[in-house]
Amino acid sequence: MPVDIKVPSVGESVTEGSIARWLKKDGDVVRRDEGLFELETEKASQEVPAPEAGTLRILKQEGDRVAIGAVVGHIETDGAVGKSPETSRVATAAERVQTQAASAETAPKDGPLEPALSPAARRAAATEKVDPAQIQGTGRSGLILKEDVQRHLETSHPKEKPASVPPPVAPAPTGRETRQRMSSIRQRIAERLLQSQKSTASLTTFNEIDLGAIMDLRARYKDVFKKKHDVGLGFMSFFVRATVEALKTYPLVNSSIDGADIVQHHFYNIGVAVSTEKGLMVPVLRDADTMSFAEIEKKITGLADKARTGGVTVADLQGGTFTITNGGVFGSMLSTPILNPPQSAILGMHSIQKRAVVKDDQIVIRPMMYVALTYDHRLIDGREAVLFLVRIKECLESPERLLLEI
């Protein structure tokens, strides 16, 4: 009896996605929990496994938009469409013998068989040069998933990185134009950005910060910090901590609008924008107010790696109350970031440049950064927005404030 292959739910706000690619062909015999296709949504991509073992019948093609819960194919559990029962039994027995023989060849003498891996997990294990036998599978019947490989790397090999491979050289265009369909993620990003511009009263205010104190602090303690915590001391942890302090001082910036209601959040889930090949993603640091500098740096590094390697989940991207985006890593000197609804504000960081400034009535050269706060003027007045940036400036120019919480 055919078993439906349905598009799984991947989050409350996600209603549809698209089939990025099928990992199996129509008519292939698949095992239960074996990866069938990659589902691409507005937030992330994920591999959808087979609900049962049998023969795959594909109904929706690559690139098709599909709603959550839609049927995209079937698994014919007898595994032998168009064959007589006798032929099916013979074929199934032959396949079983071949599978056992192949397993016997790959298994060590008197040792266990090679663990079962999903296609994505197999690719990840090969890229990271990880022995699958060392990984604990969490899928059905112990199947090793891509997330299991990533979890194993985070716990056992936190600093191992795959050898850098130069990007493939794209073929030169043959005509005057090329046309390529936007991915589901890129389409959804475009829709949300346009919706943000139309549905909010966005306004941006600016300030500049002297980062000399933080740079001196990092220069003095970065080696000790690295040795103790096994992670580098970057600028982002300072900005996250300063943002939390500013949000505590001006809680309206940590709020959102729901119809005619103002929803004030008493927790601090800070989204950190990460640029990936598929578009901008914003993984969330949950309860950032409870995290140390080292915990923030480790979490940001882990989430950024997951976003860039396609391992980020919808759960990693949901629940943010405020966002930080850093255009400075690309050399941006000044910008006006766009709100990430339903959030009411977003902080933009920019490149650090040495500039002549007046300090104690003297012209000195200092490492300066322009910062921008875009906010929804329906909820936040200019006073709160300006003072919010001033509070961040105070915390970063005198980082001891972050430790003393003053």
Protein backbone atom coordinates (compact mmCIF):
# COMPACT_ATOMS: atom_id res chain seq x y z
CA MET A 1 0.00 0.00 0.00
CA PRO A 2 1.50 3.40 -0.95
CA VAL A 3 2.71 5.63 1.87
CA ASP A 4 2.52 9.39 1.27
CA ILE A 5 5.68 11.49 1.38
CA LYS A 6 4.55 14.79 2.91
CA VAL A 7 6.29 18.12 3.35
CA PRO A 8 7.04 18.28 7.10
CA SER A 9 6.31 21.23 9.35
CA VAL A 10 9.50 23.21 9.93
CA GLY A 11 8.29 26.05 12.13
CA GLU A 12 5.22 28.05 13.08
CA SER A 13 5.78 30.87 10.59
CA VAL A 14 6.77 28.69 7.62
CA THR A 15 3.85 27.76 5.35
CA GLU A 16 5.61 26.60 2.20
CA GLY A 17 8.94 25.74 0.65
CA SER A 18 10.38 24.29 -2.51
CA ILE A 19 12.05 21.05 -3.50
CA ALA A 20 15.70 22.00 -3.90
CA ARG A 21 16.70 18.59 -5.24
CA TRP A 22 15.78 14.95 -5.07
CA LEU A 23 18.46 12.74 -3.55
CA LYS A 24 16.88 9.63 -5.11
CA LYS A 25 15.41 8.92 -8.54
CA ASP A 26 11.90 7.85 -9.39
CA GLY A 27 11.73 4.08 -9.07
CA ASP A 28 14.67 3.77 -6.66
CA VAL A 29 14.33 1.34 -3.79
CA VAL A 30 14.93 3.25 -0.54
CA ARG A 31 15.31 2.37 3.08
CA ARG A 32 13.28 3.84 5.91
CA ASP A 33 14.83 7.14 7.17
CA GLU A 34 17.05 7.38 4.09
CA GLY A 35 17.18 10.94 2.73
CA LEU A 36 14.77 11.53 -0.16
CA PHE A 37 14.90 15.22 -0.99
CA GLU A 38 16.13 18.57 0.27
CA LEU A 39 13.38 20.99 1.29
CA GLU A 40 14.31 24.66 1.01
CA THR A 41 12.24 27.16 2.99
CA GLU A 42 12.47 30.87 3.68
CA LYS A 43 14.72 30.19 6.67
CA ALA A 44 16.82 27.10 5.99
CA SER A 45 17.22 23.86 4.08
CA GLN A 46 16.68 20.41 5.51
CA GLU A 47 16.75 16.84 4.32
CA VAL A 48 13.46 14.93 4.40
CA PRO A 49 13.77 11.18 5.09
CA ALA A 50 11.72 8.30 3.75
CA PRO A 51 8.76 7.43 6.01
CA GLU A 52 8.99 3.73 5.06
CA ALA A 53 11.11 1.36 3.00
CA GLY A 54 10.01 0.63 -0.54
CA THR A 55 9.98 2.02 -4.07
CA LEU A 56 10.01 5.77 -4.57
CA ARG A 57 7.43 7.42 -6.82
CA ILE A 58 7.99 11.16 -7.35
CA LEU A 59 5.03 13.50 -7.88
CA LYS A 60 6.65 16.94 -7.50
CA GLN A 61 9.77 18.01 -9.35
CA GLU A 62 12.84 19.98 -8.33
CA GLY A 63 12.07 23.69 -8.06
CA ASP A 64 8.34 23.16 -7.40
CA ARG A 65 6.80 25.27 -4.64
CA VAL A 66 5.02 23.05 -2.12
CA ALA A 67 2.85 23.81 0.91
CA ILE A 68 3.53 22.33 4.33
CA GLY A 69 1.71 19.00 4.47
CA ALA A 70 1.55 18.61 0.68
CA VAL A 71 2.15 15.16 -0.81
CA VAL A 72 5.25 15.19 -3.04
CA GLY A 73 5.53 11.48 -3.68
CA HIS A 74 4.76 7.95 -2.51
CA ILE A 75 6.64 4.99 -1.14
CA GLU A 76 5.27 1.74 -2.53
CA THR A 77 6.05 -0.55 0.34
CA ASP A 78 6.01 -3.81 -1.66
CA GLY A 79 9.07 -2.41 -3.50
CA ALA A 80 8.04 -3.95 -6.82
CA VAL A 81 5.58 -2.00 -8.93
CA GLY A 82 4.59 -3.70 -12.18
CA LYS A 83 5.99 -7.08 -11.14
CA SER A 84 4.20 -10.25 -10.23
CA PRO A 85 4.30 -11.37 -6.57
CA GLU A 86 6.63 -14.22 -7.53
CA THR A 87 9.01 -11.86 -9.37
CA SER A 88 8.85 -9.41 -6.47
CA ARG A 89 9.83 -12.11 -3.99
CA VAL A 90 12.72 -13.25 -6.17
CA ALA A 91 13.92 -9.68 -6.72
CA THR A 92 13.62 -8.84 -3.02
CA ALA A 93 15.58 -11.96 -2.07
CA ALA A 94 18.25 -11.16 -4.66
CA GLU A 95 18.54 -7.59 -3.39
CA ARG A 96 18.81 -8.87 0.17
CA VAL A 97 21.62 -11.23 -0.78
CA GLN A 98 23.45 -8.44 -2.64
CA THR A 99 23.06 -6.10 0.32
CA GLN A 100 24.35 -8.71 2.75
CA ALA A 101 27.30 -9.47 0.47
CA ALA A 102 28.15 -5.79 0.12
CA SER A 103 27.89 -5.30 3.86
CA ALA A 104 30.13 -8.28 4.48
CA GLU A 105 32.79 -6.84 2.15
CA THR A 106 32.76 -3.43 3.84
CA ALA A 107 32.63 -4.74 7.40
CA PRO A 108 35.84 -5.64 9.23
CA LYS A 109 36.52 -9.30 10.02
CA ASP A 110 34.44 -10.43 12.98
CA GLY A 111 33.45 -6.79 13.46
CA PRO A 112 30.23 -4.78 13.24
CA LEU A 113 28.71 -3.64 9.99
CA GLU A 114 29.26 -0.08 8.84
CA PRO A 115 26.61 2.18 10.43
CA ALA A 116 23.85 3.50 8.20
CA LEU A 117 24.17 7.16 7.17
CA SER A 118 21.81 9.52 5.41
CA PRO A 119 23.24 10.95 2.16
CA ALA A 120 23.83 14.35 3.76
CA ALA A 121 25.52 12.75 6.75
CA ARG A 122 27.72 10.66 4.47
CA ARG A 123 28.84 13.78 2.58
CA ALA A 124 29.50 15.66 5.82
CA ALA A 125 31.47 12.76 7.31
CA ALA A 126 33.59 12.46 4.16
CA THR A 127 34.25 16.22 4.06
CA GLU A 128 35.22 16.38 7.73
CA LYS A 129 37.13 13.06 7.57
CA VAL A 130 35.15 11.56 10.46
CA ASP A 131 34.83 7.83 11.12
CA PRO A 132 31.07 7.06 11.14
CA ALA A 133 31.66 4.32 13.70
CA GLN A 134 32.42 7.02 16.26
CA ILE A 135 29.09 8.81 15.71
CA GLN A 136 25.91 8.06 17.63
CA GLY A 137 22.93 8.11 15.25
CA THR A 138 19.66 9.68 16.43
CA GLY A 139 17.51 8.78 13.42
CA ARG A 140 15.14 5.87 13.27
CA SER A 141 16.84 2.53 13.79
CA GLY A 142 20.06 4.37 14.66
CA LEU A 143 20.42 6.13 11.30
CA ILE A 144 23.18 8.76 11.40
CA LEU A 145 21.88 12.17 10.34
CA LYS A 146 23.81 15.26 9.22
CA GLU A 147 23.07 16.88 12.59
CA ASP A 148 24.71 13.92 14.33
CA VAL A 149 27.92 14.49 12.36
CA GLN A 150 27.91 18.20 13.23
CA ARG A 151 27.21 17.47 16.90
CA HIS A 152 30.09 14.99 16.95
CA LEU A 153 32.41 17.60 15.43
CA GLU A 154 31.35 20.25 17.95
CA THR A 155 31.94 17.97 20.93
CA SER A 156 34.93 15.93 19.80
CA HIS A 157 36.72 18.06 17.22
CA PRO A 158 35.66 21.66 17.88
CA LYS A 159 38.56 23.15 16.00
CA GLU A 160 39.07 20.78 13.11
CA LYS A 161 38.24 22.42 9.77
CA PRO A 162 38.12 20.87 6.33
CA ALA A 163 40.95 21.75 4.03
CA SER A 164 40.17 24.86 2.06
CA VAL A 165 39.13 24.14 -1.48
CA PRO A 166 39.24 26.87 -4.10
CA PRO A 167 35.80 27.71 -5.48
CA PRO A 168 35.00 26.22 -8.85
CA VAL A 169 35.52 28.49 -11.81
CA ALA A 170 32.14 29.41 -13.26
CA PRO A 171 31.81 29.01 -17.01
CA ALA A 172 31.89 32.27 -18.92
CA PRO A 173 28.43 33.40 -20.09
CA THR A 174 27.87 32.74 -23.79
CA GLY A 175 25.27 35.46 -24.37
CA ARG A 176 24.54 39.02 -23.33
CA GLU A 177 22.23 37.89 -20.51
CA THR A 178 21.72 34.93 -18.25
CA ARG A 179 18.52 34.05 -16.42
CA GLN A 180 18.36 32.00 -13.24
CA ARG A 181 15.39 31.32 -10.99
CA MET A 182 15.69 32.77 -7.50
CA SER A 183 15.92 30.19 -4.73
CA SER A 184 13.02 29.92 -2.28
CA ILE A 185 15.16 31.44 0.44
CA ARG A 186 16.13 34.41 -1.75
CA GLN A 187 12.52 34.92 -2.87
CA ARG A 188 11.29 34.87 0.70
CA ILE A 189 14.05 37.25 1.82
CA ALA A 190 12.98 39.67 -0.91
CA GLU A 191 9.33 39.39 0.13
CA ARG A 192 10.11 39.98 3.80
CA LEU A 193 12.36 42.96 3.11
CA LEU A 194 9.71 44.57 0.94
CA GLN A 195 7.06 43.79 3.54
CA SER A 196 9.28 45.33 6.23
CA GLN A 197 9.61 48.56 4.25
CA LYS A 198 5.86 48.76 3.61
CA SER A 199 4.57 47.77 7.06
CA THR A 200 6.89 49.73 9.38
CA ALA A 201 7.73 53.38 9.89
CA SER A 202 11.48 52.84 9.66
CA LEU A 203 13.91 55.53 10.72
CA THR A 204 17.68 55.33 11.28
CA THR A 205 19.85 57.21 13.75
CA PHE A 206 23.66 57.18 13.88
CA ASN A 207 26.53 57.56 16.31
CA GLU A 208 30.25 56.83 16.37
CA ILE A 209 32.24 54.79 18.85
CA ASP A 210 35.89 54.94 19.85
CA LEU A 211 36.94 51.29 20.05
CA GLY A 212 40.42 52.02 21.39
CA ALA A 213 39.66 50.68 24.89
CA ILE A 214 38.30 47.40 23.54
CA MET A 215 41.21 46.99 21.14
CA ASP A 216 43.68 47.55 24.00
CA LEU A 217 41.80 45.07 26.17
CA ARG A 218 41.81 42.45 23.42
CA ALA A 219 45.52 43.01 22.76
CA ARG A 220 46.35 42.42 26.42
CA TYR A 221 44.19 39.38 27.06
CA LYS A 222 43.45 37.67 23.73
CA ASP A 223 46.17 35.02 24.15
CA VAL A 224 45.15 34.18 27.73
CA PHE A 225 41.49 34.18 26.71
CA LYS A 226 42.20 31.85 23.79
CA LYS A 227 44.22 29.48 25.95
CA LYS A 228 41.60 29.28 28.69
CA HIS A 229 38.41 29.19 26.62
CA ASP A 230 39.67 27.70 23.33
CA VAL A 231 37.98 30.46 21.33
CA GLY A 232 39.10 33.85 20.04
CA LEU A 233 38.00 37.09 21.68
CA GLY A 234 36.24 39.06 18.96
CA PHE A 235 34.35 42.34 18.83
CA MET A 236 30.93 40.74 18.54
CA SER A 237 30.82 39.53 22.16
CA PHE A 238 31.37 43.10 23.33
CA PHE A 239 28.61 44.37 21.07
CA VAL A 240 26.20 41.64 22.19
CA ARG A 241 26.83 42.41 25.86
CA ALA A 242 26.55 46.16 25.26
CA THR A 243 23.31 45.62 23.34
CA VAL A 244 21.82 43.61 26.20
CA GLU A 245 22.70 46.37 28.66
CA ALA A 246 21.12 48.97 26.38
CA LEU A 247 17.98 46.85 25.97
CA LYS A 248 17.68 46.56 29.75
CA THR A 249 17.93 50.34 30.05
CA TYR A 250 15.47 51.01 27.20
CA PRO A 251 13.13 47.96 27.17
CA LEU A 252 10.83 49.44 24.53
CA VAL A 253 13.54 48.71 21.94
CA ASN A 254 13.20 45.02 22.90
CA SER A 255 9.48 45.06 22.14
CA SER A 256 7.29 44.34 19.13
CA ILE A 257 3.88 45.32 17.78
CA ASP A 258 1.08 42.74 17.51
CA GLY A 259 -1.99 44.41 16.04
CA ALA A 260 -2.91 47.14 18.51
CA ASP A 261 -0.79 45.62 21.30
CA ILE A 262 2.78 46.29 22.38
CA VAL A 263 4.51 43.05 23.33
CA GLN A 264 7.43 43.72 25.66
CA HIS A 265 9.95 40.88 25.86
CA HIS A 266 11.62 40.19 29.19
CA PHE A 267 14.28 38.00 27.61
CA TYR A 268 17.13 38.85 25.27
CA ASN A 269 17.40 36.69 22.15
CA ILE A 270 19.94 38.45 19.96
CA GLY A 271 20.05 37.59 16.27
CA VAL A 272 23.43 37.86 14.55
CA ALA A 273 23.22 38.26 10.78
CA VAL A 274 25.43 35.87 8.79
CA SER A 275 26.04 36.09 5.05
CA THR A 276 25.81 32.74 3.24
CA GLU A 277 25.76 31.61 -0.38
CA LYS A 278 21.98 31.23 -0.16
CA GLY A 279 21.43 34.68 1.34
CA LEU A 280 21.44 36.43 4.70
CA MET A 281 20.53 34.28 7.69
CA VAL A 282 20.07 35.43 11.27
CA PRO A 283 20.84 32.69 13.83
CA VAL A 284 19.72 33.61 17.34
CA LEU A 285 21.68 33.72 20.61
CA ARG A 286 19.04 32.72 23.11
CA ASP A 287 19.09 34.35 26.55
CA ALA A 288 22.23 36.27 25.68
CA ASP A 289 22.02 38.09 29.02
CA THR A 290 23.00 34.87 30.80
CA MET A 291 26.04 34.16 28.60
CA SER A 292 29.68 34.95 29.31
CA PHE A 293 32.02 36.48 26.71
CA ALA A 294 33.42 33.03 25.96
CA GLU A 295 29.97 31.47 25.63
CA ILE A 296 28.89 34.21 23.26
CA GLU A 297 31.98 33.78 21.07
CA LYS A 298 31.59 29.99 20.95
CA LYS A 299 27.89 30.18 20.16
CA ILE A 300 28.37 32.77 17.42
CA THR A 301 31.16 30.73 15.83
CA GLY A 302 29.08 27.54 15.93
CA LEU A 303 25.95 29.17 14.51
CA ALA A 304 27.89 30.96 11.76
CA ASP A 305 29.55 27.69 10.72
CA LYS A 306 26.18 25.91 10.65
CA ALA A 307 24.65 28.69 8.55
CA ARG A 308 27.46 28.66 6.00
CA THR A 309 27.56 24.85 5.70
CA GLY A 310 23.80 24.46 5.40
CA GLY A 311 23.40 22.84 8.80
CA VAL A 312 21.35 25.60 10.41
CA THR A 313 17.87 24.57 11.51
CA VAL A 314 14.66 26.58 11.63
CA ALA A 315 14.86 26.50 15.44
CA ASP A 316 18.25 28.26 15.23
CA LEU A 317 16.61 31.16 13.37
CA GLN A 318 13.42 31.68 15.36
CA GLY A 319 12.58 33.72 18.43
CA GLY A 320 14.90 36.71 18.05
CA THR A 321 13.94 39.96 19.79
CA PHE A 322 16.73 42.18 18.39
CA THR A 323 19.26 41.84 15.56
CA ILE A 324 22.88 42.89 15.03
CA THR A 325 24.31 43.04 11.51
CA ASN A 326 27.94 43.73 10.70
CA GLY A 327 28.51 45.23 7.25
CA GLY A 328 31.97 46.22 8.40
CA VAL A 329 33.35 42.77 7.62
CA PHE A 330 32.83 43.64 3.94
CA GLY A 331 34.25 47.14 4.28
CA SER A 332 31.02 49.09 4.71
CA MET A 333 31.58 52.47 6.33
CA LEU A 334 27.91 53.43 6.78
CA SER A 335 24.53 51.89 6.02
CA THR A 336 20.88 51.89 7.08
CA PRO A 337 19.93 48.30 7.98
CA ILE A 338 16.38 47.05 7.33
CA LEU A 339 14.20 45.83 10.18
CA ASN A 340 13.72 42.10 10.72
CA PRO A 341 9.96 41.85 11.56
CA PRO A 342 8.40 41.44 14.03
CA GLN A 343 11.42 43.01 15.74
CA SER A 344 11.30 46.76 16.19
CA ALA A 345 15.00 47.63 15.91
CA ILE A 346 18.28 46.47 14.38
CA LEU A 347 21.85 47.59 15.09
CA GLY A 348 24.29 48.03 12.22
CA MET A 349 28.06 47.74 12.80
CA HIS A 350 30.56 49.06 10.27
CA SER A 351 34.26 49.04 9.49
CA ILE A 352 36.80 50.36 11.99
CA GLN A 353 38.79 53.27 10.59
CA LYS A 354 41.44 55.44 12.17
CA ARG A 355 40.26 59.02 12.15
CA ALA A 356 41.29 62.35 13.63
CA VAL A 357 38.99 63.20 16.53
CA VAL A 358 39.03 65.70 19.35
CA LYS A 359 39.69 64.15 22.77
CA ASP A 360 40.34 66.29 25.85
CA ASP A 361 40.71 69.31 23.57
CA GLN A 362 43.45 67.53 21.61
CA ILE A 363 43.31 66.21 18.05
CA VAL A 364 44.21 62.52 18.24
CA ILE A 365 44.04 59.50 15.93
CA ARG A 366 41.54 56.91 17.22
CA PRO A 367 39.98 53.68 15.84
CA MET A 368 36.41 54.76 15.17
CA MET A 369 33.29 52.92 14.05
CA TYR A 370 30.00 54.36 12.88
CA VAL A 371 26.98 52.51 14.26
CA ALA A 372 23.39 52.76 13.03
CA LEU A 373 20.11 51.91 14.71
CA THR A 374 17.10 51.44 12.46
CA TYR A 375 13.89 51.42 14.48
CA ASP A 376 10.13 51.32 14.01
CA HIS A 377 8.97 54.87 14.74
CA ARG A 378 5.45 53.60 15.42
CA LEU A 379 6.75 52.17 18.69
CA ILE A 380 10.08 53.82 19.44
CA ASP A 381 10.52 57.58 19.61
CA GLY A 382 13.69 59.35 18.55
CA ARG A 383 14.65 59.98 22.16
CA GLU A 384 14.77 56.28 23.06
CA ALA A 385 16.60 55.43 19.84
CA VAL A 386 19.29 58.07 20.31
CA LEU A 387 19.78 57.26 24.02
CA PHE A 388 19.91 53.56 23.18
CA LEU A 389 22.91 54.17 20.92
CA VAL A 390 24.48 56.45 23.51
CA ARG A 391 24.20 53.63 26.07
CA ILE A 392 25.94 51.22 23.68
CA LYS A 393 28.63 53.85 23.07
CA GLU A 394 29.19 54.25 26.83
CA CYS A 395 29.53 50.49 27.38
CA LEU A 396 31.97 50.01 24.50
CA GLU A 397 34.15 53.04 25.15
CA SER A 398 34.38 52.02 28.83
CA PRO A 399 34.14 48.20 28.68
CA GLU A 400 34.56 47.92 32.44
CA ARG A 401 30.92 49.00 32.57
CA LEU A 402 29.98 45.65 31.04
CA LEU A 403 31.70 43.78 33.87
CA LEU A 404 30.31 46.02 36.61
CA GLU A 405 26.89 46.37 34.94
CA ILE A 406 26.84 50.15 35.42
